[in-house]
């Protein structure tokens, strides 16, 4: 019988551990990056490698921005240095600590809030002009609440920038993949927490690595539409470093969606 695992609690501790292990997404940006951002020279990623077009952001100066599940001392300090009023919301205290480190080092103002991305009740309706949400909703068990809450806390005309993992990433036999063979093993819906045997899950739990849920594209894209967003832009991306699936297809995408403005 499969053991029950608390998704949020497990991934909180796993990402705390990733900070100590120096995961690339936990490394704070350098002083040089912040200095350049203050001069208007900056770029950010929602997905592994491709920069988000600057036009997707609009004017940042003075805007209220929510970095949703976006801690780690990377994107949010850059947004603050570029002139935005930034709130960082994340499940991992250690990841939030990386943003605090950069803020204190660089004299930036960041509001840091720990919580579950499915529950943004810490914020009133229409609190933000922009939400920056990189590929991180694979670490929660349901994403429709994420889109609904994002829609609620955005102001009319506000923008949601989101990174998405194609769930096909998670359906291959990992042991075979290490041998250079892509063999489908798992089916949708997929979750490291429920689709694996206890023995298979130990591949991740023995090393205290984060575990993922492969949300369907229906929930990723259709979920944004169902929440009320209008999708305006989309691009695909893949890893540049060694990643067997990336030799076949891009398995990440970034989306830009807008909360419709109020009608006169």
C-alpha atoms as a PDB file:
ATOM      1  CA  UNK A   1       0.000   0.000   0.000  1.00  0.00           C
ATOM      2  CA  UNK A   2       1.330   3.430  -0.942  1.00  0.00           C
ATOM      3  CA  UNK A   3       2.222   5.776   1.883  1.00  0.00           C
ATOM      4  CA  UNK A   4       0.409   9.104   2.043  1.00  0.00           C
ATOM      5  CA  UNK A   5       2.670  12.117   1.636  1.00  0.00           C
ATOM      6  CA  UNK A   6       1.772  15.756   2.322  1.00  0.00           C
ATOM      7  CA  UNK A   7       2.718  17.417  -0.969  1.00  0.00           C
ATOM      8  CA  UNK A   8       3.185  20.919   0.391  1.00  0.00           C
ATOM      9  CA  UNK A   9       5.115  19.870   3.505  1.00  0.00           C
ATOM     10  CA  UNK A  10       7.358  17.489   1.596  1.00  0.00           C
ATOM     11  CA  UNK A  11       8.281  20.002  -1.110  1.00  0.00           C
ATOM     12  CA  UNK A  12       8.804  22.795   1.429  1.00  0.00           C
ATOM     13  CA  UNK A  13      11.507  20.754   3.148  1.00  0.00           C
ATOM     14  CA  UNK A  14      12.883  19.475  -0.160  1.00  0.00           C
ATOM     15  CA  UNK A  15      13.374  23.002  -1.502  1.00  0.00           C
ATOM     16  CA  UNK A  16      14.878  24.097   1.807  1.00  0.00           C
ATOM     17  CA  UNK A  17      17.399  21.316   1.221  1.00  0.00           C
ATOM     18  CA  UNK A  18      18.001  22.369  -2.375  1.00  0.00           C
ATOM     19  CA  UNK A  19      19.201  25.739  -1.108  1.00  0.00           C
ATOM     20  CA  UNK A  20      21.889  24.003   0.941  1.00  0.00           C
ATOM     21  CA  UNK A  21      22.856  21.841  -2.032  1.00  0.00           C
ATOM     22  CA  UNK A  22      23.203  24.837  -4.339  1.00  0.00           C
ATOM     23  CA  UNK A  23      20.469  24.002  -6.865  1.00  0.00           C
ATOM     24  CA  UNK A  24      20.847  26.440  -9.791  1.00  0.00           C
ATOM     25  CA  UNK A  25      17.387  27.919  -9.089  1.00  0.00           C
ATOM     26  CA  UNK A  26      18.396  28.792  -5.519  1.00  0.00           C
ATOM     27  CA  UNK A  27      21.539  30.821  -6.276  1.00  0.00           C
ATOM     28  CA  UNK A  28      21.149  34.561  -5.633  1.00  0.00           C
ATOM     29  CA  UNK A  29      21.974  36.943  -8.467  1.00  0.00           C
ATOM     30  CA  UNK A  30      25.224  38.880  -8.353  1.00  0.00           C
ATOM     31  CA  UNK A  31      25.632  42.563  -7.453  1.00  0.00           C
ATOM     32  CA  UNK A  32      26.470  43.163 -11.116  1.00  0.00           C
ATOM     33  CA  UNK A  33      23.069  41.850 -12.211  1.00  0.00           C
ATOM     34  CA  UNK A  34      21.297  44.177  -9.785  1.00  0.00           C
ATOM     35  CA  UNK A  35      23.412  47.158 -10.835  1.00  0.00           C
ATOM     36  CA  UNK A  36      22.542  46.508 -14.488  1.00  0.00           C
ATOM     37  CA  UNK A  37      18.833  46.164 -13.666  1.00  0.00           C
ATOM     38  CA  UNK A  38      18.910  49.556 -11.962  1.00  0.00           C
ATOM     39  CA  UNK A  39      20.166  50.959 -15.267  1.00  0.00           C
ATOM     40  CA  UNK A  40      17.369  49.242 -17.217  1.00  0.00           C
ATOM     41  CA  UNK A  41      19.451  46.296 -18.457  1.00  0.00           C
ATOM     42  CA  UNK A  42      17.831  43.056 -17.330  1.00  0.00           C
ATOM     43  CA  UNK A  43      16.173  39.858 -18.528  1.00  0.00           C
ATOM     44  CA  UNK A  44      14.308  37.059 -16.777  1.00  0.00           C
ATOM     45  CA  UNK A  45      13.242  33.501 -17.565  1.00  0.00           C
ATOM     46  CA  UNK A  46      10.004  31.694 -16.778  1.00  0.00           C
ATOM     47  CA  UNK A  47      11.354  28.496 -18.341  1.00  0.00           C
ATOM     48  CA  UNK A  48      14.868  26.993 -18.409  1.00  0.00           C
ATOM     49  CA  UNK A  49      16.644  29.194 -20.956  1.00  0.00           C
ATOM     50  CA  UNK A  50      14.614  31.551 -23.167  1.00  0.00           C
ATOM     51  CA  UNK A  51      14.309  35.144 -21.886  1.00  0.00           C
ATOM     52  CA  UNK A  52      10.795  36.525 -21.533  1.00  0.00           C
ATOM     53  CA  UNK A  53      10.258  39.339 -24.071  1.00  0.00           C
ATOM     54  CA  UNK A  54      10.472  42.699 -22.322  1.00  0.00           C
ATOM     55  CA  UNK A  55       7.237  43.758 -24.017  1.00  0.00           C
ATOM     56  CA  UNK A  56       5.399  41.093 -22.011  1.00  0.00           C
ATOM     57  CA  UNK A  57       6.093  43.015 -18.777  1.00  0.00           C
ATOM     58  CA  UNK A  58       5.093  46.517 -19.833  1.00  0.00           C
ATOM     59  CA  UNK A  59       6.387  49.419 -17.766  1.00  0.00           C
ATOM     60  CA  UNK A  60       7.600  48.156 -14.372  1.00  0.00           C
ATOM     61  CA  UNK A  61       8.358  51.391 -12.532  1.00  0.00           C
ATOM     62  CA  UNK A  62       5.952  51.795  -9.630  1.00  0.00           C
ATOM     63  CA  UNK A  63       3.956  48.668 -10.490  1.00  0.00           C
ATOM     64  CA  UNK A  64       2.874  46.223  -7.775  1.00  0.00           C
ATOM     65  CA  UNK A  65       4.340  42.818  -8.695  1.00  0.00           C
ATOM     66  CA  UNK A  66       3.780  39.410  -7.113  1.00  0.00           C
ATOM     67  CA  UNK A  67       6.516  36.814  -7.540  1.00  0.00           C
ATOM     68  CA  UNK A  68       4.337  33.725  -7.203  1.00  0.00           C
ATOM     69  CA  UNK A  69       6.285  30.640  -6.045  1.00  0.00           C
ATOM     70  CA  UNK A  70       9.262  32.607  -7.337  1.00  0.00           C
ATOM     71  CA  UNK A  71      11.735  32.824  -4.448  1.00  0.00           C
ATOM     72  CA  UNK A  72      15.417  31.997  -4.695  1.00  0.00           C
ATOM     73  CA  UNK A  73      17.076  35.384  -4.936  1.00  0.00           C
ATOM     74  CA  UNK A  74      16.864  35.594  -8.708  1.00  0.00           C
ATOM     75  CA  UNK A  75      13.821  37.044 -10.468  1.00  0.00           C
ATOM     76  CA  UNK A  76      12.228  39.127  -7.721  1.00  0.00           C
ATOM     77  CA  UNK A  77      15.304  41.179  -6.743  1.00  0.00           C
ATOM     78  CA  UNK A  78      15.809  42.013 -10.435  1.00  0.00           C
ATOM     79  CA  UNK A  79      12.204  43.187 -10.716  1.00  0.00           C
ATOM     80  CA  UNK A  80      12.675  45.347  -7.627  1.00  0.00           C
ATOM     81  CA  UNK A  81      15.901  46.821  -8.979  1.00  0.00           C
ATOM     82  CA  UNK A  82      14.033  47.618 -12.204  1.00  0.00           C
ATOM     83  CA  UNK A  83      11.639  49.800 -10.209  1.00  0.00           C
ATOM     84  CA  UNK A  84       8.721  47.543  -9.248  1.00  0.00           C
ATOM     85  CA  UNK A  85       7.156  47.165  -5.793  1.00  0.00           C
ATOM     86  CA  UNK A  86       7.703  43.433  -5.327  1.00  0.00           C
ATOM     87  CA  UNK A  87       6.115  40.865  -3.037  1.00  0.00           C
ATOM     88  CA  UNK A  88       7.732  37.413  -3.015  1.00  0.00           C
ATOM     89  CA  UNK A  89       5.397  34.542  -2.160  1.00  0.00           C
ATOM     90  CA  UNK A  90       6.840  31.050  -1.725  1.00  0.00           C
ATOM     91  CA  UNK A  91       6.435  27.779   0.155  1.00  0.00           C
ATOM     92  CA  UNK A  92      10.109  27.485   1.149  1.00  0.00           C
ATOM     93  CA  UNK A  93      11.508  29.613   3.988  1.00  0.00           C
ATOM     94  CA  UNK A  94      15.043  28.943   2.795  1.00  0.00           C
ATOM     95  CA  UNK A  95      14.222  30.106  -0.719  1.00  0.00           C
ATOM     96  CA  UNK A  96      12.655  33.270   0.705  1.00  0.00           C
ATOM     97  CA  UNK A  97      15.853  33.692   2.679  1.00  0.00           C
ATOM     98  CA  UNK A  98      17.796  33.931  -0.583  1.00  0.00           C
ATOM     99  CA  UNK A  99      15.664  36.905  -1.613  1.00  0.00           C
ATOM    100  CA  UNK A 100      16.169  38.460   1.808  1.00  0.00           C
ATOM    101  CA  UNK A 101      19.922  38.035   1.397  1.00  0.00           C
ATOM    102  CA  UNK A 102      19.939  39.923  -1.920  1.00  0.00           C
ATOM    103  CA  UNK A 103      17.584  42.620  -0.632  1.00  0.00           C
ATOM    104  CA  UNK A 104      19.787  43.316   2.385  1.00  0.00           C
ATOM    105  CA  UNK A 105      22.974  43.173   0.349  1.00  0.00           C
ATOM    106  CA  UNK A 106      21.684  45.544  -2.339  1.00  0.00           C
ATOM    107  CA  UNK A 107      19.432  47.862  -0.337  1.00  0.00           C
ATOM    108  CA  UNK A 108      16.282  46.629  -2.087  1.00  0.00           C
ATOM    109  CA  UNK A 109      12.792  46.618  -0.652  1.00  0.00           C
ATOM    110  CA  UNK A 110      11.069  43.235  -0.934  1.00  0.00           C
ATOM    111  CA  UNK A 111       8.026  41.974   0.935  1.00  0.00           C
ATOM    112  CA  UNK A 112       8.487  38.278   1.746  1.00  0.00           C
ATOM    113  CA  UNK A 113       5.475  36.039   2.429  1.00  0.00           C
ATOM    114  CA  UNK A 114       5.518  32.289   3.075  1.00  0.00           C
ATOM    115  CA  UNK A 115       2.504  30.295   1.916  1.00  0.00           C
ATOM    116  CA  UNK A 116       0.782  27.870  -0.412  1.00  0.00           C
ATOM    117  CA  UNK A 117       0.428  29.136  -3.993  1.00  0.00           C
ATOM    118  CA  UNK A 118      -3.114  27.699  -4.056  1.00  0.00           C
ATOM    119  CA  UNK A 119      -4.148  30.081  -1.257  1.00  0.00           C
ATOM    120  CA  UNK A 120      -3.404  33.785  -1.679  1.00  0.00           C
ATOM    121  CA  UNK A 121      -5.795  34.859   1.082  1.00  0.00           C
ATOM    122  CA  UNK A 122      -2.956  36.934   2.538  1.00  0.00           C
ATOM    123  CA  UNK A 123      -3.719  39.414  -0.256  1.00  0.00           C
ATOM    124  CA  UNK A 124      -6.840  41.430  -0.946  1.00  0.00           C
ATOM    125  CA  UNK A 125      -8.652  41.360  -4.275  1.00  0.00           C
ATOM    126  CA  UNK A 126      -7.008  43.450  -7.006  1.00  0.00           C
ATOM    127  CA  UNK A 127      -3.690  43.917  -5.152  1.00  0.00           C
ATOM    128  CA  UNK A 128      -1.235  43.525  -8.041  1.00  0.00           C
ATOM    129  CA  UNK A 129      -0.551  44.759 -11.562  1.00  0.00           C
ATOM    130  CA  UNK A 130       1.666  41.836 -12.586  1.00  0.00           C
ATOM    131  CA  UNK A 131       2.240  38.259 -11.446  1.00  0.00           C
ATOM    132  CA  UNK A 132       5.501  36.508 -12.320  1.00  0.00           C
ATOM    133  CA  UNK A 133       5.063  32.736 -11.885  1.00  0.00           C
ATOM    134  CA  UNK A 134       7.943  30.593 -13.194  1.00  0.00           C
ATOM    135  CA  UNK A 135       7.792  26.796 -13.658  1.00  0.00           C
ATOM    136  CA  UNK A 136       6.826  25.876 -10.107  1.00  0.00           C
ATOM    137  CA  UNK A 137       3.202  24.759 -10.088  1.00  0.00           C
ATOM    138  CA  UNK A 138       4.462  21.228 -10.754  1.00  0.00           C
ATOM    139  CA  UNK A 139       5.217  21.213  -7.013  1.00  0.00           C
ATOM    140  CA  UNK A 140       1.540  21.450  -5.956  1.00  0.00           C
ATOM    141  CA  UNK A 141      -1.153  18.821  -6.328  1.00  0.00           C
ATOM    142  CA  UNK A 142      -3.747  21.068  -8.033  1.00  0.00           C
ATOM    143  CA  UNK A 143      -3.327  24.150 -10.187  1.00  0.00           C
ATOM    144  CA  UNK A 144      -6.859  25.320 -10.928  1.00  0.00           C
ATOM    145  CA  UNK A 145      -6.920  27.091  -7.531  1.00  0.00           C
ATOM    146  CA  UNK A 146      -3.603  28.746  -8.450  1.00  0.00           C
ATOM    147  CA  UNK A 147      -5.149  30.342 -11.550  1.00  0.00           C
ATOM    148  CA  UNK A 148      -8.323  31.361  -9.733  1.00  0.00           C
ATOM    149  CA  UNK A 149      -6.364  33.032  -6.938  1.00  0.00           C
ATOM    150  CA  UNK A 150      -4.026  34.732  -9.411  1.00  0.00           C
ATOM    151  CA  UNK A 151      -7.041  36.155 -11.243  1.00  0.00           C
ATOM    152  CA  UNK A 152      -8.555  37.395  -7.974  1.00  0.00           C
ATOM    153  CA  UNK A 153      -5.483  39.262  -6.735  1.00  0.00           C
ATOM    154  CA  UNK A 154      -4.728  40.915 -10.089  1.00  0.00           C
ATOM    155  CA  UNK A 155      -6.206  44.271 -10.942  1.00  0.00           C
ATOM    156  CA  UNK A 156      -8.329  44.591 -14.096  1.00  0.00           C
ATOM    157  CA  UNK A 157      -5.923  44.858 -17.001  1.00  0.00           C
ATOM    158  CA  UNK A 158      -3.243  43.073 -14.940  1.00  0.00           C
ATOM    159  CA  UNK A 159      -0.867  40.538 -16.463  1.00  0.00           C
ATOM    160  CA  UNK A 160      -0.019  36.955 -15.500  1.00  0.00           C
ATOM    161  CA  UNK A 161       3.310  35.594 -16.781  1.00  0.00           C
ATOM    162  CA  UNK A 162       3.578  31.844 -16.172  1.00  0.00           C
ATOM    163  CA  UNK A 163       6.009  29.021 -16.852  1.00  0.00           C
ATOM    164  CA  UNK A 164       4.557  25.596 -17.637  1.00  0.00           C
ATOM    165  CA  UNK A 165       6.014  22.082 -17.668  1.00  0.00           C
ATOM    166  CA  UNK A 166       4.569  19.772 -20.321  1.00  0.00           C
ATOM    167  CA  UNK A 167       3.499  16.658 -18.363  1.00  0.00           C
ATOM    168  CA  UNK A 168       5.039  14.401 -21.004  1.00  0.00           C
ATOM    169  CA  UNK A 169       8.329  15.092 -19.181  1.00  0.00           C
ATOM    170  CA  UNK A 170       7.255  12.819 -16.364  1.00  0.00           C
ATOM    171  CA  UNK A 171       5.878   9.811 -18.249  1.00  0.00           C
ATOM    172  CA  UNK A 172       9.142   8.107 -19.241  1.00  0.00           C
ATOM    173  CA  UNK A 173      10.992   5.357 -17.393  1.00  0.00           C
ATOM    174  CA  UNK A 174      13.788   7.243 -15.563  1.00  0.00           C
ATOM    175  CA  UNK A 175      16.039   4.187 -15.349  1.00  0.00           C
ATOM    176  CA  UNK A 176      15.806   3.682 -19.116  1.00  0.00           C
ATOM    177  CA  UNK A 177      16.346   7.391 -19.723  1.00  0.00           C
ATOM    178  CA  UNK A 178      19.648   7.197 -17.861  1.00  0.00           C
ATOM    179  CA  UNK A 179      20.644   4.590 -20.453  1.00  0.00           C
ATOM    180  CA  UNK A 180      19.728   6.895 -23.323  1.00  0.00           C
ATOM    181  CA  UNK A 181      16.357   5.263 -24.037  1.00  0.00           C
ATOM    182  CA  UNK A 182      13.033   7.098 -23.958  1.00  0.00           C
ATOM    183  CA  UNK A 183      10.375   4.542 -23.033  1.00  0.00           C
ATOM    184  CA  UNK A 184       6.906   5.546 -21.922  1.00  0.00           C
ATOM    185  CA  UNK A 185       6.083   3.932 -18.588  1.00  0.00           C
ATOM    186  CA  UNK A 186       3.523   6.076 -16.754  1.00  0.00           C
ATOM    187  CA  UNK A 187       0.121   7.440 -17.730  1.00  0.00           C
ATOM    188  CA  UNK A 188      -1.756  10.646 -17.088  1.00  0.00           C
ATOM    189  CA  UNK A 189      -2.788  11.866 -14.606  1.00  0.00           C
ATOM    190  CA  UNK A 190       0.743  11.617 -13.219  1.00  0.00           C
ATOM    191  CA  UNK A 191       2.147  12.398  -9.780  1.00  0.00           C
ATOM    192  CA  UNK A 192       5.372  11.355  -8.051  1.00  0.00           C
ATOM    193  CA  UNK A 193       3.219  11.140  -4.932  1.00  0.00           C
ATOM    194  CA  UNK A 194       0.555   8.748  -6.248  1.00  0.00           C
ATOM    195  CA  UNK A 195       1.733   7.195  -9.533  1.00  0.00           C
ATOM    196  CA  UNK A 196       4.834   5.507  -8.114  1.00  0.00           C
ATOM    197  CA  UNK A 197       5.277   2.564  -5.815  1.00  0.00           C
ATOM    198  CA  UNK A 198       6.930   3.285  -2.487  1.00  0.00           C
ATOM    199  CA  UNK A 199      10.103   1.717  -3.870  1.00  0.00           C
ATOM    200  CA  UNK A 200      10.037   3.859  -7.017  1.00  0.00           C
ATOM    201  CA  UNK A 201       9.405   6.975  -4.965  1.00  0.00           C
ATOM    202  CA  UNK A 202      12.574   6.324  -2.969  1.00  0.00           C
ATOM    203  CA  UNK A 203      14.523   7.465  -6.042  1.00  0.00           C
ATOM    204  CA  UNK A 204      13.552  10.973  -4.861  1.00  0.00           C
ATOM    205  CA  UNK A 205      12.796  10.636  -1.162  1.00  0.00           C
ATOM    206  CA  UNK A 206      16.102   8.943  -0.291  1.00  0.00           C
ATOM    207  CA  UNK A 207      17.844  12.088  -1.552  1.00  0.00           C
ATOM    208  CA  UNK A 208      15.119  14.435  -0.230  1.00  0.00           C
ATOM    209  CA  UNK A 209      14.632  15.815  -3.745  1.00  0.00           C
ATOM    210  CA  UNK A 210      11.499  17.783  -4.694  1.00  0.00           C
ATOM    211  CA  UNK A 211       8.729  15.690  -6.199  1.00  0.00           C
ATOM    212  CA  UNK A 212       6.411  16.773  -8.988  1.00  0.00           C
ATOM    213  CA  UNK A 213       2.874  16.502 -10.315  1.00  0.00           C
ATOM    214  CA  UNK A 214       2.374  16.426 -14.092  1.00  0.00           C
ATOM    215  CA  UNK A 215      -0.595  18.718 -14.611  1.00  0.00           C
ATOM    216  CA  UNK A 216      -2.435  18.362 -17.893  1.00  0.00           C
ATOM    217  CA  UNK A 217      -2.242  21.063 -20.551  1.00  0.00           C
ATOM    218  CA  UNK A 218      -6.011  21.279 -20.170  1.00  0.00           C
ATOM    219  CA  UNK A 219      -5.500  22.420 -16.579  1.00  0.00           C
ATOM    220  CA  UNK A 220      -2.462  24.548 -17.411  1.00  0.00           C
ATOM    221  CA  UNK A 221      -3.881  26.449 -20.382  1.00  0.00           C
ATOM    222  CA  UNK A 222      -7.592  25.768 -20.121  1.00  0.00           C
ATOM    223  CA  UNK A 223      -7.382  26.485 -16.411  1.00  0.00           C
ATOM    224  CA  UNK A 224      -6.175  30.009 -17.067  1.00  0.00           C
ATOM    225  CA  UNK A 225      -9.019  30.569 -19.522  1.00  0.00           C
ATOM    226  CA  UNK A 226     -11.578  29.099 -17.120  1.00  0.00           C
ATOM    227  CA  UNK A 227     -10.359  31.461 -14.393  1.00  0.00           C
ATOM    228  CA  UNK A 228     -11.190  34.384 -16.688  1.00  0.00           C
ATOM    229  CA  UNK A 229      -7.831  35.184 -18.258  1.00  0.00           C
ATOM    230  CA  UNK A 230      -7.295  36.007 -21.912  1.00  0.00           C
ATOM    231  CA  UNK A 231      -4.129  34.398 -23.309  1.00  0.00           C
ATOM    232  CA  UNK A 232      -2.168  36.829 -25.458  1.00  0.00           C
ATOM    233  CA  UNK A 233       1.245  35.227 -26.029  1.00  0.00           C
ATOM    234  CA  UNK A 234       3.002  31.860 -25.735  1.00  0.00           C
ATOM    235  CA  UNK A 235       6.398  30.390 -26.539  1.00  0.00           C
ATOM    236  CA  UNK A 236       8.060  26.995 -26.020  1.00  0.00           C
ATOM    237  CA  UNK A 237      11.469  26.262 -24.498  1.00  0.00           C
ATOM    238  CA  UNK A 238      13.777  23.388 -23.605  1.00  0.00           C
ATOM    239  CA  UNK A 239      16.927  22.686 -21.642  1.00  0.00           C
ATOM    240  CA  UNK A 240      20.211  23.556 -23.301  1.00  0.00           C
ATOM    241  CA  UNK A 241      22.216  21.283 -21.017  1.00  0.00           C
ATOM    242  CA  UNK A 242      22.093  17.487 -21.226  1.00  0.00           C
ATOM    243  CA  UNK A 243      18.441  16.459 -21.259  1.00  0.00           C
ATOM    244  CA  UNK A 244      17.426  13.580 -23.489  1.00  0.00           C
ATOM    245  CA  UNK A 245      13.838  14.685 -24.004  1.00  0.00           C
ATOM    246  CA  UNK A 246      15.010  18.121 -25.150  1.00  0.00           C
ATOM    247  CA  UNK A 247      16.702  16.483 -28.139  1.00  0.00           C
ATOM    248  CA  UNK A 248      13.222  15.492 -29.338  1.00  0.00           C
ATOM    249  CA  UNK A 249      10.925  18.359 -28.396  1.00  0.00           C
ATOM    250  CA  UNK A 250      10.545  21.474 -26.253  1.00  0.00           C
ATOM    251  CA  UNK A 251       8.761  20.426 -23.065  1.00  0.00           C
ATOM    252  CA  UNK A 252       8.300  23.821 -21.412  1.00  0.00           C
ATOM    253  CA  UNK A 253       6.217  26.826 -22.360  1.00  0.00           C
ATOM    254  CA  UNK A 254       5.690  30.353 -21.145  1.00  0.00           C
ATOM    255  CA  UNK A 255       2.368  32.161 -21.339  1.00  0.00           C
ATOM    256  CA  UNK A 256       1.233  35.736 -21.041  1.00  0.00           C
ATOM    257  CA  UNK A 257      -2.386  36.246 -19.967  1.00  0.00           C
ATOM    258  CA  UNK A 258      -4.402  39.327 -19.113  1.00  0.00           C
ATOM    259  CA  UNK A 259      -7.247  39.914 -16.689  1.00  0.00           C
ATOM    260  CA  UNK A 260      -9.746  41.812 -18.846  1.00  0.00           C
ATOM    261  CA  UNK A 261     -10.150  45.485 -17.931  1.00  0.00           C
ATOM    262  CA  UNK A 262     -13.420  46.687 -16.498  1.00  0.00           C
ATOM    263  CA  UNK A 263     -15.894  47.829 -19.094  1.00  0.00           C
ATOM    264  CA  UNK A 264     -17.067  51.456 -18.840  1.00  0.00           C
END
